[in-house]
Protein backbone atom coordinates (compact mmCIF):
# COMPACT_ATOMS: atom_id res chain seq x y z
CA MET A 1 -20.36 94.87 89.70
CA LYS A 2 -24.03 95.71 89.64
CA LEU A 3 -25.84 94.52 92.74
CA SER A 4 -29.03 92.48 92.46
CA THR A 5 -32.23 94.53 92.49
CA HIS A 6 -35.19 93.63 94.71
CA ILE A 7 -38.61 95.23 94.29
CA VAL A 8 -40.78 95.32 97.42
CA GLU A 9 -44.50 96.07 97.43
CA LYS A 10 -45.80 98.15 100.34
CA PRO A 11 -49.26 99.48 101.31
CA TRP A 12 -47.76 102.98 101.29
CA GLY A 13 -45.92 102.53 97.98
CA CYS A 14 -46.51 104.07 94.54
CA PHE A 15 -47.81 102.82 91.20
CA ASP A 16 -46.20 105.67 89.26
CA LEU A 17 -42.43 105.70 89.74
CA PRO A 18 -39.89 108.34 88.74
CA SER A 19 -38.17 108.30 85.39
CA GLY A 20 -35.65 105.46 85.22
CA PHE A 21 -37.79 102.97 87.13
CA ASP A 22 -40.11 100.56 85.32
CA ASN A 23 -43.33 99.19 86.77
CA PRO A 24 -45.02 97.36 83.89
CA GLU A 25 -47.19 95.23 86.19
CA ARG A 26 -48.47 98.31 88.04
CA LYS A 27 -47.45 97.05 91.45
CA GLN A 28 -47.62 99.30 94.51
CA ILE A 29 -43.87 99.58 94.94
CA GLY A 30 -42.53 101.03 98.17
CA GLU A 31 -38.89 99.99 98.12
CA ILE A 32 -36.18 98.95 95.72
CA TRP A 33 -33.07 97.60 97.41
CA TYR A 34 -29.83 96.00 96.38
CA ASP A 35 -27.72 93.08 97.58
CA HIS A 36 -24.81 90.81 96.60
CA ALA A 37 -25.63 87.20 95.73
CA GLN A 38 -22.51 85.80 97.42
CA GLN A 39 -21.82 88.25 100.24
CA ASN A 40 -23.72 89.69 103.17
CA LEU A 41 -22.60 93.29 102.75
CA PRO A 42 -22.41 95.65 105.76
CA LEU A 43 -24.49 98.39 104.09
CA LEU A 44 -27.86 98.33 102.38
CA VAL A 45 -28.96 100.86 99.77
CA LYS A 46 -32.64 101.49 99.06
CA TRP A 47 -34.90 103.75 97.04
CA LEU A 48 -38.23 104.55 98.74
CA PHE A 49 -41.38 105.85 97.05
CA THR A 50 -44.28 106.94 99.29
CA SER A 51 -47.95 107.63 98.57
CA GLU A 52 -48.91 107.50 102.27
CA LYS A 53 -47.16 107.94 105.59
CA LEU A 54 -44.95 105.13 106.80
CA SER A 55 -45.41 103.81 110.32
CA VAL A 56 -44.01 105.67 113.31
CA GLN A 57 -41.01 103.50 114.12
CA VAL A 58 -37.61 103.19 115.74
CA HIS A 59 -34.43 101.14 115.28
CA PRO A 60 -32.12 99.79 118.03
CA ASN A 61 -28.40 100.43 118.34
CA ASP A 62 -25.84 97.63 118.10
CA THR A 63 -25.83 96.81 121.82
CA GLN A 64 -29.63 96.69 122.02
CA ALA A 65 -29.91 94.59 118.87
CA GLN A 66 -27.39 92.06 120.16
CA GLN A 67 -29.48 91.66 123.31
CA TYR A 68 -32.24 90.40 121.00
CA GLY A 69 -29.84 88.00 119.27
CA LEU A 70 -29.31 90.19 116.21
CA SER A 71 -25.96 90.99 114.66
CA SER A 72 -26.26 94.78 114.54
CA GLY A 73 -28.54 97.73 115.01
CA LYS A 74 -29.62 100.15 112.32
CA GLU A 75 -28.62 103.71 111.62
CA GLU A 76 -29.46 105.33 108.29
CA CYS A 77 -29.25 108.44 106.17
CA TRP A 78 -31.99 109.77 103.89
CA ILE A 79 -31.32 111.85 100.77
CA ILE A 80 -34.49 113.37 99.31
CA THR A 81 -34.52 113.30 95.51
CA ASP A 82 -38.11 114.49 95.04
CA ALA A 83 -40.87 115.79 97.30
CA LYS A 84 -44.39 116.92 96.44
CA PRO A 85 -45.66 120.23 97.88
CA GLY A 86 -46.44 119.79 101.57
CA ALA A 87 -44.31 116.65 101.97
CA VAL A 88 -42.94 116.08 105.47
CA LEU A 89 -40.64 113.80 107.43
CA GLY A 90 -41.21 113.00 111.10
CA MET A 91 -37.98 113.06 113.08
CA GLY A 92 -37.89 113.05 116.84
CA THR A 93 -40.63 114.22 119.18
CA LYS A 94 -41.62 117.80 119.94
CA ARG A 95 -40.57 117.29 123.56
CA PRO A 96 -38.83 114.53 125.53
CA LEU A 97 -41.02 111.56 126.44
CA ASP A 98 -40.40 108.91 129.05
CA ALA A 99 -41.17 105.26 128.32
CA ASP A 100 -44.63 105.29 129.91
CA GLU A 101 -45.74 108.37 127.99
CA LEU A 102 -44.33 107.05 124.71
CA ARG A 103 -46.26 103.81 125.16
CA SER A 104 -49.48 105.61 126.08
CA LEU A 105 -49.30 108.01 123.13
CA SER A 106 -48.51 105.14 120.76
CA LEU A 107 -51.53 103.17 121.95
CA SER A 108 -53.89 106.15 121.66
CA GLY A 109 -52.55 107.36 118.31
CA GLU A 110 -51.65 110.73 119.77
CA ILE A 111 -48.02 110.05 118.94
CA GLU A 112 -48.83 111.22 115.41
CA ASP A 113 -49.37 114.72 116.80
CA ILE A 114 -46.24 114.83 118.94
CA ILE A 115 -43.88 113.65 116.19
CA ASP A 116 -41.93 116.64 114.86
CA TRP A 117 -43.04 116.76 111.21
CA LYS A 118 -40.57 118.81 109.16
CA PRO A 119 -41.28 120.08 105.61
CA VAL A 120 -38.80 118.72 103.08
CA LYS A 121 -37.70 119.33 99.51
CA ALA A 122 -35.34 117.78 96.99
CA GLY A 123 -31.74 117.96 98.12
CA ASP A 124 -32.48 117.69 101.84
CA TYR A 125 -30.63 114.99 103.77
CA PHE A 126 -30.95 113.68 107.33
CA TYR A 127 -29.00 111.15 109.37
CA ILE A 128 -31.22 109.06 111.65
CA PRO A 129 -29.35 107.68 114.68
CA ALA A 130 -30.59 104.53 116.37
CA GLY A 131 -33.27 105.32 118.95
CA THR A 132 -34.76 108.22 116.95
CA VAL A 133 -38.55 107.99 116.73
CA HIS A 134 -39.31 108.72 113.08
CA ALA A 135 -41.68 108.39 110.13
CA ILE A 136 -41.55 109.19 106.42
CA GLY A 137 -44.48 111.14 105.00
CA ALA A 138 -46.34 110.82 101.71
CA GLY A 139 -45.21 112.18 98.36
CA ILE A 140 -41.48 111.56 98.82
CA THR A 141 -38.81 109.80 96.80
CA LEU A 142 -35.59 109.21 98.70
CA ILE A 143 -32.42 107.17 98.78
CA GLU A 144 -31.67 105.44 102.06
CA VAL A 145 -28.21 104.21 103.03
CA GLN A 146 -28.21 102.11 106.20
CA GLN A 147 -26.55 99.44 108.26
CA ASN A 148 -27.61 96.18 106.68
CA ALA A 149 -30.04 95.08 109.38
CA ASP A 150 -33.70 94.26 108.83
CA ILE A 151 -34.83 95.50 112.22
CA THR A 152 -37.71 97.95 112.58
CA TYR A 153 -39.98 98.34 115.59
CA ARG A 154 -43.36 99.88 114.76
CA LEU A 155 -44.87 102.08 117.44
CA TYR A 156 -47.93 103.23 115.49
CA ASP A 157 -49.31 102.42 112.03
CA TYR A 158 -52.46 104.56 111.54
CA GLY A 159 -54.79 101.58 112.02
CA ARG A 160 -53.22 99.40 109.32
CA PRO A 161 -53.51 95.66 110.14
CA ARG A 162 -49.80 95.15 110.69
CA GLU A 163 -47.96 94.00 113.78
CA LEU A 164 -46.73 96.59 116.25
CA HIS A 165 -43.66 96.12 118.46
CA LEU A 166 -44.42 98.31 121.46
CA ASP A 167 -42.34 96.49 124.05
CA GLN A 168 -39.18 96.45 121.94
CA GLY A 169 -39.83 99.86 120.39
CA VAL A 170 -40.36 101.67 123.68
CA ALA A 171 -37.34 99.94 125.20
CA VAL A 172 -34.93 101.17 122.49
CA SER A 173 -36.42 104.64 121.89
CA ASP A 174 -34.69 107.88 122.74
CA ALA A 175 -37.85 109.96 122.36
CA ARG A 176 -36.75 113.59 122.21
CA PRO A 177 -36.38 116.41 119.66
CA TYR A 178 -34.16 115.63 116.68
CA ASP A 179 -30.85 117.48 116.99
CA ASP A 180 -28.39 115.55 114.82
CA GLU A 181 -25.97 117.84 112.98
CA ARG A 182 -25.70 115.51 109.98
CA CYS A 183 -28.51 117.18 108.08
CA GLY A 184 -28.95 120.01 105.59
CA ASN A 185 -29.52 120.65 101.90
CA LEU A 186 -27.15 119.91 99.04
CA GLY A 187 -27.93 123.20 97.30
CA ASP A 188 -25.82 123.93 94.21
CA THR A 189 -22.69 122.21 95.47
CA LYS A 190 -20.77 119.83 93.23
CA TYR A 191 -19.49 117.81 96.18
CA LYS A 192 -20.50 117.34 99.81
CA GLN A 193 -19.74 114.74 102.44
CA THR A 194 -23.08 114.31 104.16
CA VAL A 195 -22.06 111.58 106.64
CA SER A 196 -18.72 110.86 108.32
CA GLY A 197 -19.06 107.70 110.41
CA PRO A 198 -19.52 105.91 112.65
CA TYR A 199 -20.76 103.14 110.31
CA PHE A 200 -20.26 104.64 106.87
CA ASP A 201 -19.21 107.76 105.00
CA LEU A 202 -21.58 109.16 102.41
CA HIS A 203 -20.52 111.54 99.64
CA TYR A 204 -22.70 113.47 97.20
CA CYS A 205 -21.07 114.20 93.84
CA GLN A 206 -22.13 116.04 90.71
CA GLY A 207 -19.67 115.29 87.95
CA SER A 208 -16.58 113.17 88.40
CA ASP A 209 -13.96 115.86 89.10
CA SER A 210 -14.20 115.47 92.89
CA THR A 211 -14.16 111.67 93.08
CA ALA A 212 -10.51 110.79 92.53
CA ALA A 213 -9.61 111.03 96.23
CA LEU A 214 -12.66 108.96 97.18
CA MET A 215 -11.77 105.90 95.14
CA ASN A 216 -9.17 104.83 97.66
CA GLY A 217 -9.51 101.07 97.85
CA LYS A 218 -12.38 101.09 100.35
CA PRO A 219 -15.49 99.04 99.58
CA SER A 220 -17.86 101.47 97.88
CA TRP A 221 -21.51 101.60 96.84
CA ILE A 222 -22.21 103.95 93.91
CA ILE A 223 -25.78 105.16 93.29
CA PRO A 224 -26.74 107.26 90.23
CA ILE A 225 -29.35 109.90 91.08
CA ASP A 226 -30.42 111.60 87.84
CA GLY A 227 -28.56 110.07 84.92
CA PRO A 228 -26.06 107.47 83.78
CA ILE A 229 -22.49 107.31 85.02
CA MET A 230 -19.48 105.27 83.91
CA VAL A 231 -17.60 103.37 86.61
CA GLY A 232 -14.59 101.80 84.99
CA ASP A 233 -16.06 100.17 81.90
CA ILE A 234 -19.56 99.66 83.38
CA GLU A 235 -22.41 102.06 82.71
CA ALA A 236 -24.83 102.48 85.60
CA GLN A 237 -28.28 103.96 85.08
CA VAL A 238 -30.74 105.41 87.58
CA GLY A 239 -32.10 102.36 89.38
CA ASP A 240 -28.74 100.60 89.46
CA CYS A 241 -26.39 100.29 92.41
CA LEU A 242 -22.75 99.35 91.87
CA TYR A 243 -20.47 97.75 94.42
CA ILE A 244 -16.68 98.01 94.32
CA GLY A 245 -14.85 95.62 96.62
CA LEU A 246 -11.68 96.06 98.63
CA ASP A 247 -8.43 97.02 96.90
CA LYS A 248 -10.14 98.23 93.74
CA ASP A 249 -9.25 101.64 92.34
CA ILE A 250 -11.73 102.48 89.59
CA ALA A 251 -12.31 105.81 87.86
CA ILE A 252 -15.76 107.39 87.68
CA HIS A 253 -16.86 109.51 84.72
CA SER A 254 -20.09 111.49 84.83
CA ASP A 255 -21.70 114.89 84.45
CA ASN A 256 -24.66 113.73 86.55
CA GLN A 257 -25.44 113.40 90.25
CA PHE A 258 -24.55 110.30 92.24
CA LEU A 259 -23.74 109.08 95.74
CA ILE A 260 -20.74 107.15 97.01
CA ALA A 261 -21.16 105.24 100.29
CA GLN A 262 -18.07 103.73 101.90
CA THR A 263 -17.54 101.59 104.97
CA ILE A 264 -15.32 102.96 107.72
């Protein structure tokens, strides 16, 4: 089935969206995300479109989130589908920071200079563990696959009039250089598993030849990247997200690029 589509306006969003996405009312769209009307699914899929930097932020892990009365923390993976020249992502800090220094730099705004801003291009992907201090830069289109938890603690927001969450954010941060091995570039590959646990597996596919072993009865989210695909008898376009429930074995047919996310 096709999941319901939700369009979210953001101060850092875009008026001009990539091909496949309509914006007839010229809203400043930052996110498009997908859910199931009858089920609270364990994963959330989003597209993000940025014209400005997002806040410097952090997400808690499961244990930390439960201490705040929440059901789960939030880990996520980004797949860059387009990036303007000079586009960057901020992941980790240039050196380890203790809680007092992280708070001080967040209050002064100097945290912007100690974030490790990495140049990015289409095809890059990065897994963001809970506790990673991070920010998404301007000029980027990406797909985000995450634990389905609406829990973000802002440490710094460039003077925008939005709430910060310094106490919670500092408490859950692991402020140090980014060193996660679940990152790289897709290159010219036809298939690559970009994430293997602990919360989900994420597979990149170009063409349907490599997908037979993946459609194994696990709940799956299928996201077209650059063109239509056929999943069973349903055609999915860019901007759609399909969900296949448990014990379903459905063939995929496509010459285009798409992602398959599966729960563990």
